[in-house]
Amino acid sequence: MTASNDPVIECRSLWKVFGEQADAAMKAIQQDGLGKEEVLEQFGCVLGVRDASFSVRKGEIFCIMGLSGSGKSTLIRHVNRLIEPTAGDVLIEGVSIGDLDNRALRTMRSLKIGMVFQNMALMPHRTVLENVAFALEVRGMTRAERFEIAEQAIATVDLGGWKNHYPDQLSGGMQQRVGLARAIAADPHILLMDEPFSALDPLIRKQLQTLFMALAAQMNKTTLFITHDLDEAIRIGDRIAVMKDGEIIQIGTPEQIVTEPADSYVSDFVAGISKLHLVTAARIMEPIESFEARTGPFDANGWLRAAPGDLLNRLADLSIDTDLPLAVETDGKVIGVVTKKALIRGIQGRSREDEGAYANV
């Protein structure tokens, strides 16, 4: 058992090279720094994951996003050892899964890891109730016990009236709910979710995202969530890892990813993302010392107050009602100023550093 502050999932310098000459390709990559295309050309091998390291805390939703072929699905399949790494290690609650024998690995998968993928692989000859209870049946739980737990899980995803129906009688969104209920019923420590909502209509997708976020918070589940959709990653994730060509380019909070992209690749991803519900007053405000150095002593009486955690959307609402700057206040003390220009630049996604300095407004 890990201590409360230890990571639940930890990947350490994980590599995966597919192909008959994987060992030779791996050696050349490390010696000569070969890229994905060079590895394919010289060795006929595919570089799936390149030196990936990250950790996920208890209760955290950690999103891994990237385009098709970026390596995100390959990476998640290492976490429950569906794929063996070429190099590196994966730890689950401090235990290296590479050191587990087949029996111990099956036990870990059964008790600690739940999987929810785009294709739910529901058994067509079993009812919703029987599908949800299946993992508990494999554990040897009695019929009465497993059905009681399964019914609770089905009710949690709002499918109580459908427990005796079969998968082919359900919509795509309902089938995804069954898959989520199946994972919930097994009560794993970790949820692995690979593009679970990507095939759904936008409205159903958003509804399931909301449901999942509520359930994850309520049950304090540690989640690794794979998506190609940045909007989804930003909405769901506590932190996001952006992948390209098997490599993790950047890890950060949604606000950090959007406002501090690590390179042009990430910048292109976030270019069209609205900042209104992401960026806080603390990020765009001018510290009080800097403001006074630029404008001289000032009196903030009559200025509307904002909190450091107020989002741009809230700041815009406040700013509509005044021609004055906003005072950012904490514990009764003004710590910063948000000018009209800073607010507009924040909404545009530009920072004061982009302009070199604040301008008077």
Protein backbone atom coordinates (compact mmCIF):
# COMPACT_ATOMS: atom_id res chain seq x y z
CA MET A 1 0.00 0.00 0.00
CA THR A 2 1.34 3.43 -0.93
CA ALA A 3 1.42 6.42 1.37
CA SER A 4 -1.25 9.02 0.66
CA ASN A 5 1.20 11.37 -1.08
CA ASP A 6 2.83 8.68 -3.24
CA PRO A 7 1.79 8.27 -6.88
CA VAL A 8 -0.76 5.57 -7.66
CA ILE A 9 0.55 5.21 -11.22
CA GLU A 10 4.15 5.90 -12.16
CA CYS A 11 5.82 5.45 -15.53
CA ARG A 12 9.60 5.64 -15.52
CA SER A 13 11.48 6.21 -18.79
CA LEU A 14 9.11 3.97 -20.73
CA TRP A 15 10.09 2.92 -24.26
CA LYS A 16 8.28 0.75 -26.79
CA VAL A 17 9.69 -0.20 -30.19
CA PHE A 18 7.67 -2.60 -32.37
CA GLY A 19 9.45 -4.82 -34.88
CA GLU A 20 11.85 -7.71 -35.34
CA GLN A 21 14.89 -5.46 -34.94
CA ALA A 22 13.54 -3.66 -31.90
CA ASP A 23 16.69 -4.14 -29.81
CA ALA A 24 18.98 -2.84 -32.54
CA ALA A 25 16.62 0.06 -33.23
CA MET A 26 16.47 0.91 -29.54
CA LYS A 27 20.25 1.00 -29.33
CA ALA A 28 20.48 3.28 -32.36
CA ILE A 29 17.79 5.59 -30.99
CA GLN A 30 19.66 6.06 -27.74
CA GLN A 31 23.07 6.42 -29.37
CA ASP A 32 22.19 8.52 -32.40
CA GLY A 33 18.89 10.16 -31.39
CA LEU A 34 16.95 8.71 -34.33
CA GLY A 35 13.41 9.95 -34.86
CA LYS A 36 10.28 7.93 -35.62
CA GLU A 37 10.65 8.10 -39.42
CA GLU A 38 14.35 7.25 -39.31
CA VAL A 39 13.66 4.21 -37.11
CA LEU A 40 11.08 2.98 -39.61
CA GLU A 41 13.34 3.61 -42.60
CA GLN A 42 16.52 2.07 -41.17
CA PHE A 43 15.12 -0.82 -39.11
CA GLY A 44 11.55 -1.36 -40.27
CA CYS A 45 10.46 -0.74 -36.68
CA VAL A 46 7.79 1.52 -35.24
CA LEU A 47 8.68 3.77 -32.31
CA GLY A 48 5.51 3.65 -30.21
CA VAL A 49 6.62 5.30 -26.96
CA ARG A 50 9.76 7.35 -26.43
CA ASP A 51 11.17 7.80 -22.92
CA ALA A 52 7.82 8.58 -21.29
CA SER A 53 7.81 9.49 -17.60
CA PHE A 54 4.89 10.72 -15.52
CA SER A 55 3.04 10.00 -12.29
CA VAL A 56 -0.62 10.17 -11.32
CA ARG A 57 -1.79 11.02 -7.82
CA LYS A 58 -4.65 9.38 -5.96
CA GLY A 59 -7.99 10.72 -7.16
CA GLU A 60 -6.44 12.61 -10.08
CA ILE A 61 -7.79 12.55 -13.63
CA PHE A 62 -4.68 12.56 -15.82
CA CYS A 63 -5.42 13.04 -19.53
CA ILE A 64 -3.05 11.95 -22.27
CA MET A 65 -3.87 13.57 -25.59
CA GLY A 66 -2.44 13.65 -29.07
CA LEU A 67 -3.28 12.97 -32.69
CA SER A 68 -3.72 9.50 -34.16
CA GLY A 69 -0.36 7.71 -34.07
CA SER A 70 1.02 9.84 -31.24
CA GLY A 71 1.44 6.79 -28.97
CA LYS A 72 -1.20 7.56 -26.37
CA SER A 73 -3.10 4.26 -26.67
CA THR A 74 0.14 2.31 -26.75
CA LEU A 75 1.20 4.06 -23.56
CA ILE A 76 -1.99 3.29 -21.63
CA ARG A 77 -1.72 -0.40 -22.51
CA HIS A 78 1.58 -0.56 -20.66
CA VAL A 79 -0.13 0.48 -17.43
CA ASN A 80 -1.94 -2.86 -17.10
CA ARG A 81 0.81 -4.69 -18.99
CA LEU A 82 -1.21 -5.59 -22.05
CA ILE A 83 2.01 -4.57 -23.79
CA GLU A 84 5.52 -5.34 -22.56
CA PRO A 85 7.87 -2.33 -22.69
CA THR A 86 11.12 -2.39 -24.62
CA ALA A 87 12.67 -0.51 -21.71
CA GLY A 88 11.52 1.31 -18.60
CA ASP A 89 9.14 0.47 -15.81
CA VAL A 90 5.54 0.95 -14.67
CA LEU A 91 4.63 1.00 -10.99
CA ILE A 92 1.13 0.57 -9.62
CA GLU A 93 0.86 1.70 -6.00
CA GLY A 94 4.63 1.31 -5.70
CA VAL A 95 4.77 -2.21 -7.20
CA SER A 96 6.62 -2.79 -10.48
CA ILE A 97 4.17 -4.67 -12.68
CA GLY A 98 7.06 -5.97 -14.77
CA ASP A 99 8.13 -8.07 -11.77
CA LEU A 100 4.73 -9.77 -11.37
CA ASP A 101 4.17 -13.35 -12.46
CA ASN A 102 1.04 -14.18 -14.48
CA ARG A 103 -1.06 -15.02 -11.44
CA ALA A 104 -0.12 -11.85 -9.56
CA LEU A 105 -0.69 -9.79 -12.70
CA ARG A 106 -4.18 -11.25 -13.16
CA THR A 107 -4.97 -10.48 -9.52
CA MET A 108 -3.81 -6.88 -9.89
CA ARG A 109 -5.87 -6.41 -13.05
CA SER A 110 -8.92 -7.94 -11.42
CA LEU A 111 -8.82 -6.03 -8.17
CA LYS A 112 -7.05 -2.74 -8.88
CA ILE A 113 -7.51 -1.76 -12.53
CA GLY A 114 -10.74 -1.12 -14.42
CA MET A 115 -10.82 -0.52 -18.18
CA VAL A 116 -13.30 1.53 -20.20
CA PHE A 117 -12.56 1.66 -23.93
CA GLN A 118 -14.31 3.04 -27.01
CA ASN A 119 -15.50 -0.47 -27.86
CA MET A 120 -17.22 -1.68 -24.73
CA ALA A 121 -17.04 -5.35 -25.80
CA LEU A 122 -20.34 -6.06 -24.07
CA MET A 123 -21.43 -9.69 -24.24
CA PRO A 124 -24.48 -9.74 -26.53
CA HIS A 125 -26.04 -12.83 -24.93
CA ARG A 126 -25.99 -11.27 -21.44
CA THR A 127 -28.31 -8.61 -20.06
CA VAL A 128 -27.10 -5.25 -18.82
CA LEU A 129 -27.19 -6.60 -15.27
CA GLU A 130 -25.21 -9.70 -16.21
CA ASN A 131 -22.64 -7.68 -18.15
CA VAL A 132 -22.07 -5.30 -15.25
CA ALA A 133 -21.79 -8.18 -12.77
CA PHE A 134 -19.38 -10.21 -14.90
CA ALA A 135 -16.13 -9.12 -13.21
CA LEU A 136 -17.62 -9.98 -9.83
CA GLU A 137 -18.67 -13.36 -11.17
CA VAL A 138 -15.07 -14.03 -12.23
CA ARG A 139 -14.00 -13.25 -8.67
CA GLY A 140 -16.30 -15.99 -7.39
CA MET A 141 -18.88 -13.75 -5.76
CA THR A 142 -22.32 -15.27 -5.24
CA ARG A 143 -25.12 -14.41 -7.66
CA ALA A 144 -27.06 -12.45 -5.05
CA GLU A 145 -24.02 -10.44 -3.95
CA ARG A 146 -22.83 -9.55 -7.44
CA PHE A 147 -26.29 -8.63 -8.69
CA GLU A 148 -26.84 -6.34 -5.70
CA ILE A 149 -23.58 -4.49 -6.41
CA ALA A 150 -24.29 -4.43 -10.15
CA GLU A 151 -27.75 -2.94 -9.62
CA GLN A 152 -26.25 -0.14 -7.54
CA ALA A 153 -23.70 0.59 -10.27
CA ILE A 154 -26.41 0.58 -12.95
CA ALA A 155 -28.49 3.02 -10.91
CA THR A 156 -25.43 5.25 -10.53
CA VAL A 157 -25.22 5.70 -14.32
CA ASP A 158 -29.00 6.23 -14.61
CA LEU A 159 -29.83 2.94 -16.34
CA GLY A 160 -31.95 1.39 -13.61
CA GLY A 161 -34.86 0.66 -15.93
CA TRP A 162 -32.67 -1.13 -18.47
CA LYS A 163 -30.98 -3.80 -16.36
CA ASN A 164 -32.84 -6.69 -18.07
CA HIS A 165 -32.27 -5.47 -21.61
CA TYR A 166 -29.56 -6.72 -23.98
CA PRO A 167 -26.78 -4.59 -25.52
CA ASP A 168 -28.34 -4.52 -28.99
CA GLN A 169 -31.41 -2.85 -27.47
CA LEU A 170 -29.33 0.10 -26.23
CA SER A 171 -28.06 3.24 -27.93
CA GLY A 172 -24.34 3.89 -28.20
CA GLY A 173 -24.41 6.28 -25.26
CA MET A 174 -26.29 3.77 -23.13
CA GLN A 175 -23.77 1.06 -23.98
CA GLN A 176 -20.98 3.39 -22.82
CA ARG A 177 -22.86 3.83 -19.54
CA VAL A 178 -22.98 0.05 -19.16
CA GLY A 179 -19.23 -0.10 -19.65
CA LEU A 180 -18.75 2.60 -17.03
CA ALA A 181 -21.10 0.79 -14.64
CA ARG A 182 -19.13 -2.43 -15.16
CA ALA A 183 -15.92 -0.68 -14.16
CA ILE A 184 -17.61 0.97 -11.16
CA ALA A 185 -19.07 -2.33 -9.95
CA ALA A 186 -15.61 -3.90 -9.85
CA ASP A 187 -14.53 -0.99 -7.59
CA PRO A 188 -10.95 -0.74 -8.90
CA HIS A 189 -8.39 1.70 -7.54
CA ILE A 190 -7.56 2.84 -11.08
CA LEU A 191 -9.63 3.52 -14.18
CA LEU A 192 -8.01 3.30 -17.62
CA MET A 193 -10.15 5.03 -20.22
CA ASP A 194 -9.14 5.00 -23.89
CA GLU A 195 -11.27 7.34 -26.04
CA PRO A 196 -14.43 6.13 -24.25
CA PHE A 197 -16.74 8.86 -25.58
CA SER A 198 -15.17 9.67 -28.95
CA ALA A 199 -17.76 7.84 -31.10
CA LEU A 200 -20.75 9.57 -29.51
CA ASP A 201 -22.78 12.56 -30.63
CA PRO A 202 -21.59 15.85 -29.08
CA LEU A 203 -24.53 16.27 -26.71
CA ILE A 204 -24.39 12.67 -25.42
CA ARG A 205 -20.65 12.96 -25.16
CA LYS A 206 -20.88 16.05 -22.97
CA GLN A 207 -23.50 14.40 -20.77
CA LEU A 208 -21.28 11.37 -20.22
CA GLN A 209 -18.27 13.58 -19.53
CA THR A 210 -20.28 15.34 -16.82
CA LEU A 211 -21.46 12.04 -15.37
CA PHE A 212 -17.95 10.60 -15.37
CA MET A 213 -16.44 13.67 -13.69
CA ALA A 214 -19.07 13.53 -10.94
CA LEU A 215 -18.52 9.81 -10.37
CA ALA A 216 -14.73 10.11 -10.37
CA ALA A 217 -14.89 12.86 -7.75
CA GLN A 218 -17.45 11.02 -5.65
CA MET A 219 -15.51 7.75 -5.63
CA ASN A 220 -12.04 9.33 -5.64
CA LYS A 221 -10.87 7.16 -8.52
CA THR A 222 -7.44 7.61 -10.01
CA THR A 223 -7.96 7.87 -13.76
CA LEU A 224 -5.78 7.74 -16.85
CA PHE A 225 -7.90 9.17 -19.67
CA ILE A 226 -6.86 9.00 -23.33
CA THR A 227 -8.33 11.43 -25.86
CA HIS A 228 -7.49 13.14 -29.15
CA ASP A 229 -9.85 16.00 -28.26
CA LEU A 230 -8.24 18.93 -26.45
CA ASP A 231 -11.62 20.36 -25.42
CA GLU A 232 -12.39 17.06 -23.69
CA ALA A 233 -8.98 16.92 -22.02
CA ILE A 234 -9.33 20.47 -20.74
CA ARG A 235 -12.83 19.85 -19.43
CA ILE A 236 -12.02 16.57 -17.70
CA GLY A 237 -8.35 16.61 -16.77
CA ASP A 238 -6.69 17.80 -13.59
CA ARG A 239 -3.48 17.60 -15.62
CA ILE A 240 -2.79 16.92 -19.29
CA ALA A 241 0.12 15.27 -21.09
CA VAL A 242 0.47 16.15 -24.78
CA MET A 243 2.09 13.46 -26.97
CA LYS A 244 3.67 13.56 -30.42
CA ASP A 245 5.49 10.73 -32.22
CA GLY A 246 5.58 8.63 -29.06
CA GLU A 247 7.04 11.39 -26.91
CA ILE A 248 5.44 13.44 -24.14
CA ILE A 249 5.94 17.05 -25.19
CA GLN A 250 4.39 18.79 -22.19
CA ILE A 251 2.64 18.01 -18.90
CA GLY A 252 0.63 20.63 -17.05
CA THR A 253 -2.72 21.81 -15.79
CA PRO A 254 -5.25 22.83 -18.46
CA GLU A 255 -4.45 26.48 -17.70
CA GLN A 256 -0.70 25.86 -18.08
CA ILE A 257 -1.12 23.96 -21.34
CA VAL A 258 -3.26 26.71 -22.86
CA THR A 259 -1.34 29.73 -21.59
CA GLU A 260 2.22 28.35 -21.56
CA PRO A 261 2.53 25.94 -24.53
CA ALA A 262 5.93 24.27 -24.60
CA ASP A 263 6.44 24.55 -28.37
CA SER A 264 4.72 25.35 -31.67
CA TYR A 265 3.09 21.91 -31.78
CA VAL A 266 1.24 22.53 -28.51
CA SER A 267 0.57 26.15 -29.52
CA ASP A 268 -1.21 24.94 -32.66
CA PHE A 269 -3.33 22.60 -30.55
CA VAL A 270 -4.49 25.29 -28.15
CA ALA A 271 -4.82 28.16 -30.63
CA GLY A 272 -8.61 27.94 -30.89
CA ILE A 273 -9.37 27.16 -27.25
CA SER A 274 -11.47 29.70 -25.34
CA LYS A 275 -9.67 31.07 -22.30
CA LEU A 276 -12.82 32.31 -20.56
CA HIS A 277 -13.28 29.27 -18.32
CA LEU A 278 -9.58 28.44 -17.90
CA VAL A 279 -7.49 31.49 -17.06
CA THR A 280 -7.67 33.09 -13.61
CA ALA A 281 -7.22 36.61 -12.32
CA ALA A 282 -3.98 35.52 -10.65
CA ARG A 283 -2.47 34.81 -14.06
CA ILE A 284 -3.32 38.10 -15.78
CA MET A 285 -3.20 40.55 -12.88
CA GLU A 286 -0.38 43.03 -12.44
CA PRO A 287 1.17 42.71 -8.97
CA ILE A 288 0.42 45.71 -6.81
CA GLU A 289 4.10 46.67 -6.50
CA SER A 290 4.53 46.71 -10.28
CA PHE A 291 1.34 48.71 -10.78
CA GLU A 292 2.39 51.33 -8.23
CA ALA A 293 5.87 51.55 -9.74
CA ARG A 294 4.28 52.28 -13.10
CA THR A 295 1.41 54.57 -12.08
CA GLY A 296 2.39 55.86 -8.64
CA PRO A 297 0.36 55.45 -5.43
CA PHE A 298 -3.32 54.86 -6.05
CA ASP A 299 -6.57 54.52 -4.19
CA ALA A 300 -8.65 51.44 -5.03
CA ASN A 301 -11.75 52.69 -3.23
CA GLY A 302 -14.69 52.30 -5.56
CA TRP A 303 -12.98 49.61 -7.61
CA LEU A 304 -14.81 46.33 -7.96
CA ARG A 305 -13.14 43.37 -6.23
CA ALA A 306 -12.12 40.04 -7.73
CA ALA A 307 -10.55 36.97 -6.17
CA PRO A 308 -7.28 35.46 -7.48
CA GLY A 309 -9.16 32.35 -8.60
CA ASP A 310 -11.89 34.19 -10.52
CA LEU A 311 -11.98 33.12 -14.17
CA LEU A 312 -11.88 35.46 -17.16
CA ASN A 313 -15.61 34.99 -17.67
CA ARG A 314 -16.29 36.34 -14.17
CA LEU A 315 -13.80 39.20 -14.66
CA ALA A 316 -15.51 40.17 -17.91
CA ASP A 317 -18.88 40.32 -16.14
CA LEU A 318 -17.40 42.58 -13.46
CA SER A 319 -15.61 44.77 -15.98
CA ILE A 320 -18.83 45.48 -17.89
CA ASP A 321 -20.13 47.39 -14.86
CA THR A 322 -17.15 49.70 -14.40
CA ASP A 323 -14.70 51.86 -16.32
CA LEU A 324 -12.09 51.34 -13.60
CA PRO A 325 -9.59 48.50 -13.26
CA LEU A 326 -10.47 45.55 -11.02
CA ALA A 327 -8.75 45.09 -7.68
CA VAL A 328 -7.69 41.52 -6.97
CA GLU A 329 -8.11 40.94 -3.27
CA THR A 330 -7.33 38.14 -0.84
CA ASP A 331 -7.86 38.15 2.92
CA GLY A 332 -9.03 41.77 2.70
CA LYS A 333 -5.80 42.93 1.03
CA VAL A 334 -5.44 44.14 -2.56
CA ILE A 335 -2.60 42.13 -4.15
CA GLY A 336 -3.00 42.99 -7.81
CA VAL A 337 -4.79 44.91 -10.53
CA VAL A 338 -6.56 43.73 -13.68
CA THR A 339 -6.77 46.50 -16.27
CA LYS A 340 -9.11 46.45 -19.24
CA LYS A 341 -6.20 45.80 -21.55
CA ALA A 342 -4.91 42.90 -19.45
CA LEU A 343 -8.37 41.38 -19.47
CA ILE A 344 -8.70 41.66 -23.25
CA ARG A 345 -5.22 40.25 -23.78
CA GLY A 346 -6.05 37.39 -21.42
CA ILE A 347 -9.17 36.55 -23.41
CA GLN A 348 -7.08 36.65 -26.58
CA GLY A 349 -4.56 34.33 -24.99
CA ARG A 350 -1.78 36.91 -24.92
CA SER A 351 0.13 37.77 -21.77
CA ARG A 352 1.76 40.96 -20.58
CA GLU A 353 5.12 39.39 -21.39
CA ASP A 354 4.10 39.24 -25.05
CA GLU A 355 4.08 43.04 -25.10
CA GLY A 356 7.05 43.51 -22.82
CA ALA A 357 5.16 45.66 -20.33
CA TYR A 358 1.75 46.88 -19.30
CA ALA A 359 0.23 49.86 -20.99
CA ASN A 360 -1.90 52.43 -19.24
CA VAL A 361 -5.63 51.93 -19.65
